[in-house]
């Protein structure tokens, strides 16, 4: 089987793993439990996630027809054995799930980006404006308790496999990765919150990756588009927006709020 993309955290995830079990199965992929983490194996319809192995849509359908899939997955010396099919991870290069070094300077493209992202404020799974304004933007000197308050309120807040508050937080982390603005203890306290099992397993995987600076290719393409044309921005934003019921929009609004916070300095 030909792997199209391999997330850049996959090899690390599998290094010390032994037992692999099925966590959840969907149309476009399967989440496998590896120790206390998730490994995604699926098609290429929604980009590449840091903890995912992605194949073409047709090849993933072949895997779906394997006997006992996805209940029997074994680790081999070079990759994974899915029924009678082998996935060679050694010969597969990792997708760069880290954000490139981008300068978010004031420009016509950034003005356009803000206008496009603003359109998603009313398309989210939750209204993020009131409390977030009080906790982050309305605070002149951020105190350590700000992270505690934010995380207690937003992590796990919302419905679905990736609650709206979690998706929004990923958007914030994307901007903070490029130009830090969140409290210095935000990421360490986020990791503690995740260890307390405040959200879903799937969302925890995305948040844990984002906390370390690793994001879905769809998020990366949105950030990269800010240095490109209006058409490139619209294309990247739409691709992320279409990646879930409201998950993509929630992440886009997190990116938008992050940009507004650093706006006096850059945008």
C-alpha atoms as a PDB file:
ATOM      1  CA  UNK A   1       0.000   0.000   0.000  1.00  0.00           C
ATOM      2  CA  UNK A   2       1.236   3.467  -0.855  1.00  0.00           C
ATOM      3  CA  UNK A   3       1.130   5.990   1.958  1.00  0.00           C
ATOM      4  CA  UNK A   4       0.312   9.471   0.693  1.00  0.00           C
ATOM      5  CA  UNK A   5       1.056  11.325   3.935  1.00  0.00           C
ATOM      6  CA  UNK A   6       2.485  10.303   7.273  1.00  0.00           C
ATOM      7  CA  UNK A   7       1.997  12.740  10.142  1.00  0.00           C
ATOM      8  CA  UNK A   8       5.244  13.866  11.736  1.00  0.00           C
ATOM      9  CA  UNK A   9       4.322  12.403  15.148  1.00  0.00           C
ATOM     10  CA  UNK A  10       3.493   8.906  13.863  1.00  0.00           C
ATOM     11  CA  UNK A  11       6.968   7.375  14.207  1.00  0.00           C
ATOM     12  CA  UNK A  12       7.332   8.726  17.736  1.00  0.00           C
ATOM     13  CA  UNK A  13       3.900   7.375  18.639  1.00  0.00           C
ATOM     14  CA  UNK A  14       4.757   3.859  17.478  1.00  0.00           C
ATOM     15  CA  UNK A  15       8.293   3.631  18.875  1.00  0.00           C
ATOM     16  CA  UNK A  16       7.414   2.022  22.193  1.00  0.00           C
ATOM     17  CA  UNK A  17       4.013   0.620  21.283  1.00  0.00           C
ATOM     18  CA  UNK A  18       3.014  -3.001  21.431  1.00  0.00           C
ATOM     19  CA  UNK A  19      -0.736  -3.574  21.531  1.00  0.00           C
ATOM     20  CA  UNK A  20      -2.866  -1.694  18.994  1.00  0.00           C
ATOM     21  CA  UNK A  21      -6.654  -1.730  19.335  1.00  0.00           C
ATOM     22  CA  UNK A  22      -9.575  -0.083  17.556  1.00  0.00           C
ATOM     23  CA  UNK A  23     -10.871   3.066  19.246  1.00  0.00           C
ATOM     24  CA  UNK A  24     -13.441   4.352  16.734  1.00  0.00           C
ATOM     25  CA  UNK A  25     -14.333   3.953  13.068  1.00  0.00           C
ATOM     26  CA  UNK A  26     -15.725   6.506  10.594  1.00  0.00           C
ATOM     27  CA  UNK A  27     -16.325   6.885   6.866  1.00  0.00           C
ATOM     28  CA  UNK A  28     -12.971   8.509   6.157  1.00  0.00           C
ATOM     29  CA  UNK A  29     -10.802   6.734   8.691  1.00  0.00           C
ATOM     30  CA  UNK A  30     -10.184   4.793  11.876  1.00  0.00           C
ATOM     31  CA  UNK A  31      -8.706   5.853  15.198  1.00  0.00           C
ATOM     32  CA  UNK A  32      -6.513   3.179  16.734  1.00  0.00           C
ATOM     33  CA  UNK A  33      -5.462   3.243  20.359  1.00  0.00           C
ATOM     34  CA  UNK A  34      -1.719   2.957  20.825  1.00  0.00           C
ATOM     35  CA  UNK A  35      -0.883   2.986  24.532  1.00  0.00           C
ATOM     36  CA  UNK A  36      -2.682   6.112  25.779  1.00  0.00           C
ATOM     37  CA  UNK A  37      -2.700   7.901  22.429  1.00  0.00           C
ATOM     38  CA  UNK A  38      -4.572   7.704  19.142  1.00  0.00           C
ATOM     39  CA  UNK A  39      -3.229   6.804  15.706  1.00  0.00           C
ATOM     40  CA  UNK A  40      -5.423   7.749  12.758  1.00  0.00           C
ATOM     41  CA  UNK A  41      -5.435   5.690   9.557  1.00  0.00           C
ATOM     42  CA  UNK A  42      -7.635   7.066   6.820  1.00  0.00           C
ATOM     43  CA  UNK A  43      -7.985   8.660   3.419  1.00  0.00           C
ATOM     44  CA  UNK A  44      -6.730  12.002   2.165  1.00  0.00           C
ATOM     45  CA  UNK A  45     -10.041  13.839   2.048  1.00  0.00           C
ATOM     46  CA  UNK A  46      -9.442  16.079   5.082  1.00  0.00           C
ATOM     47  CA  UNK A  47      -5.734  16.790   4.989  1.00  0.00           C
ATOM     48  CA  UNK A  48      -2.927  15.288   7.058  1.00  0.00           C
ATOM     49  CA  UNK A  49      -3.040  15.222  10.850  1.00  0.00           C
ATOM     50  CA  UNK A  50       0.171  14.941  12.932  1.00  0.00           C
ATOM     51  CA  UNK A  51      -0.822  11.555  14.351  1.00  0.00           C
ATOM     52  CA  UNK A  52      -2.238  10.180  11.089  1.00  0.00           C
ATOM     53  CA  UNK A  53      -1.374   7.843   8.235  1.00  0.00           C
ATOM     54  CA  UNK A  54      -3.205   8.879   5.072  1.00  0.00           C
ATOM     55  CA  UNK A  55      -3.809   6.936   1.891  1.00  0.00           C
ATOM     56  CA  UNK A  56      -5.725   7.730  -1.284  1.00  0.00           C
ATOM     57  CA  UNK A  57      -9.474   7.279  -1.063  1.00  0.00           C
ATOM     58  CA  UNK A  58      -9.346   4.172  -3.266  1.00  0.00           C
ATOM     59  CA  UNK A  59      -6.548   2.493  -1.316  1.00  0.00           C
ATOM     60  CA  UNK A  60      -8.257   3.174   1.985  1.00  0.00           C
ATOM     61  CA  UNK A  61     -11.366   1.446   0.636  1.00  0.00           C
ATOM     62  CA  UNK A  62      -9.217  -1.616  -0.068  1.00  0.00           C
ATOM     63  CA  UNK A  63      -8.148  -1.616   3.581  1.00  0.00           C
ATOM     64  CA  UNK A  64     -11.787  -1.317   4.645  1.00  0.00           C
ATOM     65  CA  UNK A  65     -12.503  -4.634   2.937  1.00  0.00           C
ATOM     66  CA  UNK A  66      -9.785  -6.511   4.800  1.00  0.00           C
ATOM     67  CA  UNK A  67     -10.976  -9.317   7.115  1.00  0.00           C
ATOM     68  CA  UNK A  68     -11.152  -8.262  10.776  1.00  0.00           C
ATOM     69  CA  UNK A  69     -10.254  -4.661   9.951  1.00  0.00           C
ATOM     70  CA  UNK A  70      -9.808  -2.598  12.058  1.00  0.00           C
ATOM     71  CA  UNK A  71      -9.700  -5.041  14.954  1.00  0.00           C
ATOM     72  CA  UNK A  72      -6.467  -6.764  13.983  1.00  0.00           C
ATOM     73  CA  UNK A  73      -3.582  -4.385  13.404  1.00  0.00           C
ATOM     74  CA  UNK A  74      -0.042  -5.475  14.168  1.00  0.00           C
ATOM     75  CA  UNK A  75       3.206  -3.563  14.376  1.00  0.00           C
ATOM     76  CA  UNK A  76       6.085  -4.928  12.292  1.00  0.00           C
ATOM     77  CA  UNK A  77       9.759  -4.046  12.043  1.00  0.00           C
ATOM     78  CA  UNK A  78       9.039  -1.646   9.182  1.00  0.00           C
ATOM     79  CA  UNK A  79       5.479  -0.518   9.787  1.00  0.00           C
ATOM     80  CA  UNK A  80       2.017  -1.971  10.257  1.00  0.00           C
ATOM     81  CA  UNK A  81       0.245  -5.120   9.120  1.00  0.00           C
ATOM     82  CA  UNK A  82      -3.445  -4.622   8.336  1.00  0.00           C
ATOM     83  CA  UNK A  83      -4.819  -8.070   7.634  1.00  0.00           C
ATOM     84  CA  UNK A  84      -2.835  -9.136   4.557  1.00  0.00           C
ATOM     85  CA  UNK A  85      -1.742  -5.619   3.693  1.00  0.00           C
ATOM     86  CA  UNK A  86       1.498  -3.974   4.750  1.00  0.00           C
ATOM     87  CA  UNK A  87       2.095  -0.301   5.411  1.00  0.00           C
ATOM     88  CA  UNK A  88       5.797   0.482   5.134  1.00  0.00           C
ATOM     89  CA  UNK A  89       6.449   3.444   7.425  1.00  0.00           C
ATOM     90  CA  UNK A  90      10.229   3.321   7.067  1.00  0.00           C
ATOM     91  CA  UNK A  91      10.105   4.244   3.391  1.00  0.00           C
ATOM     92  CA  UNK A  92       7.469   6.945   3.953  1.00  0.00           C
ATOM     93  CA  UNK A  93       8.655  10.471   4.656  1.00  0.00           C
ATOM     94  CA  UNK A  94       6.838  12.523   7.269  1.00  0.00           C
ATOM     95  CA  UNK A  95       4.580  15.421   6.373  1.00  0.00           C
ATOM     96  CA  UNK A  96       5.830  18.726   7.854  1.00  0.00           C
ATOM     97  CA  UNK A  97       3.064  19.345  10.393  1.00  0.00           C
ATOM     98  CA  UNK A  98       4.938  22.241  11.990  1.00  0.00           C
ATOM     99  CA  UNK A  99       4.094  25.782  10.962  1.00  0.00           C
ATOM    100  CA  UNK A 100       6.711  27.459   8.769  1.00  0.00           C
ATOM    101  CA  UNK A 101       8.379  30.663   9.919  1.00  0.00           C
ATOM    102  CA  UNK A 102       5.903  33.291   8.714  1.00  0.00           C
ATOM    103  CA  UNK A 103       5.974  36.980   9.542  1.00  0.00           C
ATOM    104  CA  UNK A 104       2.450  38.287  10.169  1.00  0.00           C
ATOM    105  CA  UNK A 105       3.109  41.853   9.130  1.00  0.00           C
ATOM    106  CA  UNK A 106       0.575  44.489   8.205  1.00  0.00           C
ATOM    107  CA  UNK A 107      -0.254  43.982   4.550  1.00  0.00           C
ATOM    108  CA  UNK A 108      -3.074  43.959   2.064  1.00  0.00           C
ATOM    109  CA  UNK A 109      -3.156  40.147   2.298  1.00  0.00           C
ATOM    110  CA  UNK A 110      -3.582  40.271   6.080  1.00  0.00           C
ATOM    111  CA  UNK A 111      -6.417  42.763   5.725  1.00  0.00           C
ATOM    112  CA  UNK A 112      -8.106  40.398   3.286  1.00  0.00           C
ATOM    113  CA  UNK A 113      -7.495  37.452   5.614  1.00  0.00           C
ATOM    114  CA  UNK A 114      -9.178  39.269   8.499  1.00  0.00           C
ATOM    115  CA  UNK A 115     -12.181  40.129   6.330  1.00  0.00           C
ATOM    116  CA  UNK A 116     -12.590  36.534   5.168  1.00  0.00           C
ATOM    117  CA  UNK A 117     -12.167  35.045   8.646  1.00  0.00           C
ATOM    118  CA  UNK A 118     -14.636  37.525  10.109  1.00  0.00           C
ATOM    119  CA  UNK A 119     -17.364  35.882   8.040  1.00  0.00           C
ATOM    120  CA  UNK A 120     -17.091  32.750  10.193  1.00  0.00           C
ATOM    121  CA  UNK A 121     -17.903  34.420  13.515  1.00  0.00           C
ATOM    122  CA  UNK A 122     -21.546  33.357  13.226  1.00  0.00           C
ATOM    123  CA  UNK A 123     -20.824  29.881  11.891  1.00  0.00           C
ATOM    124  CA  UNK A 124     -19.290  28.395  15.022  1.00  0.00           C
ATOM    125  CA  UNK A 125     -20.597  25.774  17.406  1.00  0.00           C
ATOM    126  CA  UNK A 126     -20.329  28.184  20.328  1.00  0.00           C
ATOM    127  CA  UNK A 127     -20.243  31.944  20.981  1.00  0.00           C
ATOM    128  CA  UNK A 128     -16.663  32.655  21.986  1.00  0.00           C
ATOM    129  CA  UNK A 129     -16.740  36.417  22.323  1.00  0.00           C
ATOM    130  CA  UNK A 130     -17.903  37.395  25.853  1.00  0.00           C
ATOM    131  CA  UNK A 131     -15.770  35.395  28.263  1.00  0.00           C
ATOM    132  CA  UNK A 132     -12.743  35.324  26.003  1.00  0.00           C
ATOM    133  CA  UNK A 133     -12.748  39.111  25.826  1.00  0.00           C
ATOM    134  CA  UNK A 134     -12.733  39.288  29.627  1.00  0.00           C
ATOM    135  CA  UNK A 135     -10.024  36.685  30.099  1.00  0.00           C
ATOM    136  CA  UNK A 136      -7.517  37.497  27.388  1.00  0.00           C
ATOM    137  CA  UNK A 137      -8.068  40.652  25.381  1.00  0.00           C
ATOM    138  CA  UNK A 138      -9.505  42.701  28.223  1.00  0.00           C
ATOM    139  CA  UNK A 139      -6.613  41.928  30.549  1.00  0.00           C
ATOM    140  CA  UNK A 140      -3.740  44.401  30.350  1.00  0.00           C
ATOM    141  CA  UNK A 141      -1.329  42.312  32.398  1.00  0.00           C
ATOM    142  CA  UNK A 142      -1.996  38.603  32.071  1.00  0.00           C
ATOM    143  CA  UNK A 143      -1.875  36.767  35.392  1.00  0.00           C
ATOM    144  CA  UNK A 144      -1.257  33.063  35.869  1.00  0.00           C
ATOM    145  CA  UNK A 145      -4.878  32.388  36.764  1.00  0.00           C
ATOM    146  CA  UNK A 146      -5.956  33.509  33.295  1.00  0.00           C
ATOM    147  CA  UNK A 147      -4.843  30.185  31.811  1.00  0.00           C
ATOM    148  CA  UNK A 148      -6.685  28.249  34.515  1.00  0.00           C
ATOM    149  CA  UNK A 149      -9.903  30.158  33.922  1.00  0.00           C
ATOM    150  CA  UNK A 150      -9.753  29.842  30.154  1.00  0.00           C
ATOM    151  CA  UNK A 151      -8.935  26.135  30.157  1.00  0.00           C
ATOM    152  CA  UNK A 152     -11.542  25.310  32.806  1.00  0.00           C
ATOM    153  CA  UNK A 153     -14.215  27.021  30.762  1.00  0.00           C
ATOM    154  CA  UNK A 154     -13.358  26.122  27.164  1.00  0.00           C
ATOM    155  CA  UNK A 155     -11.632  22.732  27.074  1.00  0.00           C
ATOM    156  CA  UNK A 156     -14.280  20.126  26.394  1.00  0.00           C
ATOM    157  CA  UNK A 157     -16.988  22.759  25.923  1.00  0.00           C
ATOM    158  CA  UNK A 158     -19.329  21.873  23.089  1.00  0.00           C
ATOM    159  CA  UNK A 159     -20.649  18.784  21.352  1.00  0.00           C
ATOM    160  CA  UNK A 160     -19.095  16.154  19.124  1.00  0.00           C
ATOM    161  CA  UNK A 161     -15.756  14.382  18.832  1.00  0.00           C
ATOM    162  CA  UNK A 162     -13.912  17.709  18.888  1.00  0.00           C
ATOM    163  CA  UNK A 163     -15.861  20.196  21.032  1.00  0.00           C
ATOM    164  CA  UNK A 164     -16.038  23.774  19.780  1.00  0.00           C
ATOM    165  CA  UNK A 165     -13.928  25.140  22.621  1.00  0.00           C
ATOM    166  CA  UNK A 166     -11.113  22.739  21.754  1.00  0.00           C
ATOM    167  CA  UNK A 167     -11.155  23.612  18.041  1.00  0.00           C
ATOM    168  CA  UNK A 168     -11.127  27.312  18.899  1.00  0.00           C
ATOM    169  CA  UNK A 169      -8.128  26.747  21.170  1.00  0.00           C
ATOM    170  CA  UNK A 170      -6.234  25.047  18.340  1.00  0.00           C
ATOM    171  CA  UNK A 171      -6.731  28.188  16.241  1.00  0.00           C
ATOM    172  CA  UNK A 172      -5.324  30.326  19.055  1.00  0.00           C
ATOM    173  CA  UNK A 173      -2.343  28.016  19.441  1.00  0.00           C
ATOM    174  CA  UNK A 174      -1.595  28.254  15.723  1.00  0.00           C
ATOM    175  CA  UNK A 175      -1.167  32.033  15.910  1.00  0.00           C
ATOM    176  CA  UNK A 176       0.627  31.811  19.249  1.00  0.00           C
ATOM    177  CA  UNK A 177       3.114  29.394  17.678  1.00  0.00           C
ATOM    178  CA  UNK A 178       4.088  32.041  15.129  1.00  0.00           C
ATOM    179  CA  UNK A 179       3.947  35.033  17.443  1.00  0.00           C
ATOM    180  CA  UNK A 180       3.475  34.241  21.156  1.00  0.00           C
ATOM    181  CA  UNK A 181       0.722  36.129  22.947  1.00  0.00           C
ATOM    182  CA  UNK A 182      -0.872  33.574  25.258  1.00  0.00           C
ATOM    183  CA  UNK A 183       0.241  33.397  28.914  1.00  0.00           C
ATOM    184  CA  UNK A 184       3.614  31.674  29.288  1.00  0.00           C
ATOM    185  CA  UNK A 185       2.092  28.856  31.315  1.00  0.00           C
ATOM    186  CA  UNK A 186      -0.781  28.252  28.888  1.00  0.00           C
ATOM    187  CA  UNK A 187       0.675  25.196  27.173  1.00  0.00           C
ATOM    188  CA  UNK A 188       1.923  23.502  30.326  1.00  0.00           C
ATOM    189  CA  UNK A 189      -1.444  24.014  31.987  1.00  0.00           C
ATOM    190  CA  UNK A 190      -3.201  22.773  28.867  1.00  0.00           C
ATOM    191  CA  UNK A 191      -1.181  19.555  29.075  1.00  0.00           C
ATOM    192  CA  UNK A 192      -2.232  19.188  32.712  1.00  0.00           C
ATOM    193  CA  UNK A 193      -5.867  19.778  31.769  1.00  0.00           C
ATOM    194  CA  UNK A 194      -5.642  17.080  29.102  1.00  0.00           C
ATOM    195  CA  UNK A 195      -4.164  14.633  31.606  1.00  0.00           C
ATOM    196  CA  UNK A 196      -7.281  15.228  33.709  1.00  0.00           C
ATOM    197  CA  UNK A 197      -9.407  13.906  30.817  1.00  0.00           C
ATOM    198  CA  UNK A 198     -11.538  16.999  30.394  1.00  0.00           C
ATOM    199  CA  UNK A 199     -12.389  16.323  26.757  1.00  0.00           C
ATOM    200  CA  UNK A 200     -12.740  13.528  24.200  1.00  0.00           C
ATOM    201  CA  UNK A 201      -9.877  11.220  23.229  1.00  0.00           C
ATOM    202  CA  UNK A 202      -9.932  12.487  19.631  1.00  0.00           C
ATOM    203  CA  UNK A 203      -9.866  16.129  20.650  1.00  0.00           C
ATOM    204  CA  UNK A 204      -7.136  15.417  23.189  1.00  0.00           C
ATOM    205  CA  UNK A 205      -4.910  14.122  20.382  1.00  0.00           C
ATOM    206  CA  UNK A 206      -5.384  17.290  18.340  1.00  0.00           C
ATOM    207  CA  UNK A 207      -4.819  19.568  21.335  1.00  0.00           C
ATOM    208  CA  UNK A 208      -1.762  17.675  22.557  1.00  0.00           C
ATOM    209  CA  UNK A 209      -0.250  17.937  19.077  1.00  0.00           C
ATOM    210  CA  UNK A 210      -1.075  21.644  18.781  1.00  0.00           C
ATOM    211  CA  UNK A 211       0.380  22.326  22.212  1.00  0.00           C
ATOM    212  CA  UNK A 212       3.685  20.994  20.866  1.00  0.00           C
ATOM    213  CA  UNK A 213       3.411  23.062  17.675  1.00  0.00           C
ATOM    214  CA  UNK A 214       2.088  20.333  15.346  1.00  0.00           C
ATOM    215  CA  UNK A 215      -1.081  21.046  13.340  1.00  0.00           C
ATOM    216  CA  UNK A 216      -3.286  19.577  10.648  1.00  0.00           C
ATOM    217  CA  UNK A 217      -2.177  20.398   7.110  1.00  0.00           C
ATOM    218  CA  UNK A 218      -5.469  22.287   6.672  1.00  0.00           C
ATOM    219  CA  UNK A 219      -4.538  24.686   9.487  1.00  0.00           C
ATOM    220  CA  UNK A 220      -1.014  25.050   8.116  1.00  0.00           C
ATOM    221  CA  UNK A 221      -2.311  25.919   4.648  1.00  0.00           C
ATOM    222  CA  UNK A 222      -4.540  28.644   6.098  1.00  0.00           C
ATOM    223  CA  UNK A 223      -1.612  30.254   7.916  1.00  0.00           C
ATOM    224  CA  UNK A 224       0.658  29.955   4.857  1.00  0.00           C
ATOM    225  CA  UNK A 225      -2.005  31.560   2.657  1.00  0.00           C
ATOM    226  CA  UNK A 226      -1.744  34.813   4.641  1.00  0.00           C
ATOM    227  CA  UNK A 227       1.416  35.555   2.671  1.00  0.00           C
ATOM    228  CA  UNK A 228      -0.266  34.823  -0.645  1.00  0.00           C
ATOM    229  CA  UNK A 229      -3.196  35.992  -2.761  1.00  0.00           C
ATOM    230  CA  UNK A 230      -6.863  36.512  -1.896  1.00  0.00           C
ATOM    231  CA  UNK A 231      -7.740  33.429  -3.931  1.00  0.00           C
ATOM    232  CA  UNK A 232      -5.216  31.334  -2.003  1.00  0.00           C
ATOM    233  CA  UNK A 233      -6.638  32.576   1.320  1.00  0.00           C
ATOM    234  CA  UNK A 234     -10.224  31.844   0.255  1.00  0.00           C
ATOM    235  CA  UNK A 235      -9.281  28.350  -0.957  1.00  0.00           C
ATOM    236  CA  UNK A 236      -7.398  27.424   2.219  1.00  0.00           C
ATOM    237  CA  UNK A 237     -10.053  28.870   4.528  1.00  0.00           C
ATOM    238  CA  UNK A 238     -12.858  27.057   2.706  1.00  0.00           C
ATOM    239  CA  UNK A 239     -10.987  23.745   2.862  1.00  0.00           C
ATOM    240  CA  UNK A 240     -10.650  24.043   6.650  1.00  0.00           C
ATOM    241  CA  UNK A 241     -14.234  25.256   7.059  1.00  0.00           C
ATOM    242  CA  UNK A 242     -15.502  22.188   5.178  1.00  0.00           C
ATOM    243  CA  UNK A 243     -13.539  19.738   7.336  1.00  0.00           C
ATOM    244  CA  UNK A 244     -16.356  19.217   9.830  1.00  0.00           C
ATOM    245  CA  UNK A 245     -19.817  20.326  10.870  1.00  0.00           C
ATOM    246  CA  UNK A 246     -18.496  23.394  12.723  1.00  0.00           C
ATOM    247  CA  UNK A 247     -15.015  22.226  13.741  1.00  0.00           C
ATOM    248  CA  UNK A 248     -13.291  24.008  10.875  1.00  0.00           C
ATOM    249  CA  UNK A 249     -15.198  27.225  11.525  1.00  0.00           C
ATOM    250  CA  UNK A 250     -14.397  27.040  15.247  1.00  0.00           C
ATOM    251  CA  UNK A 251     -10.691  26.722  14.435  1.00  0.00           C
ATOM    252  CA  UNK A 252     -10.871  29.581  11.924  1.00  0.00           C
ATOM    253  CA  UNK A 253     -12.432  31.849  14.539  1.00  0.00           C
ATOM    254  CA  UNK A 254      -9.663  30.900  16.965  1.00  0.00           C
ATOM    255  CA  UNK A 255      -7.156  31.960  14.296  1.00  0.00           C
ATOM    256  CA  UNK A 256      -9.122  35.169  13.766  1.00  0.00           C
ATOM    257  CA  UNK A 257      -9.145  36.053  17.473  1.00  0.00           C
ATOM    258  CA  UNK A 258      -5.435  35.330  17.662  1.00  0.00           C
ATOM    259  CA  UNK A 259      -4.824  37.747  14.809  1.00  0.00           C
ATOM    260  CA  UNK A 260      -6.921  40.421  16.511  1.00  0.00           C
ATOM    261  CA  UNK A 261      -4.854  40.086  19.652  1.00  0.00           C
ATOM    262  CA  UNK A 262      -1.555  40.639  17.880  1.00  0.00           C
ATOM    263  CA  UNK A 263      -3.087  43.157  15.473  1.00  0.00           C
ATOM    264  CA  UNK A 264      -1.666  46.308  17.107  1.00  0.00           C
ATOM    265  CA  UNK A 265       1.805  44.870  16.562  1.00  0.00           C
ATOM    266  CA  UNK A 266       1.547  43.207  13.201  1.00  0.00           C
ATOM    267  CA  UNK A 267      -1.729  43.180  11.318  1.00  0.00           C
END
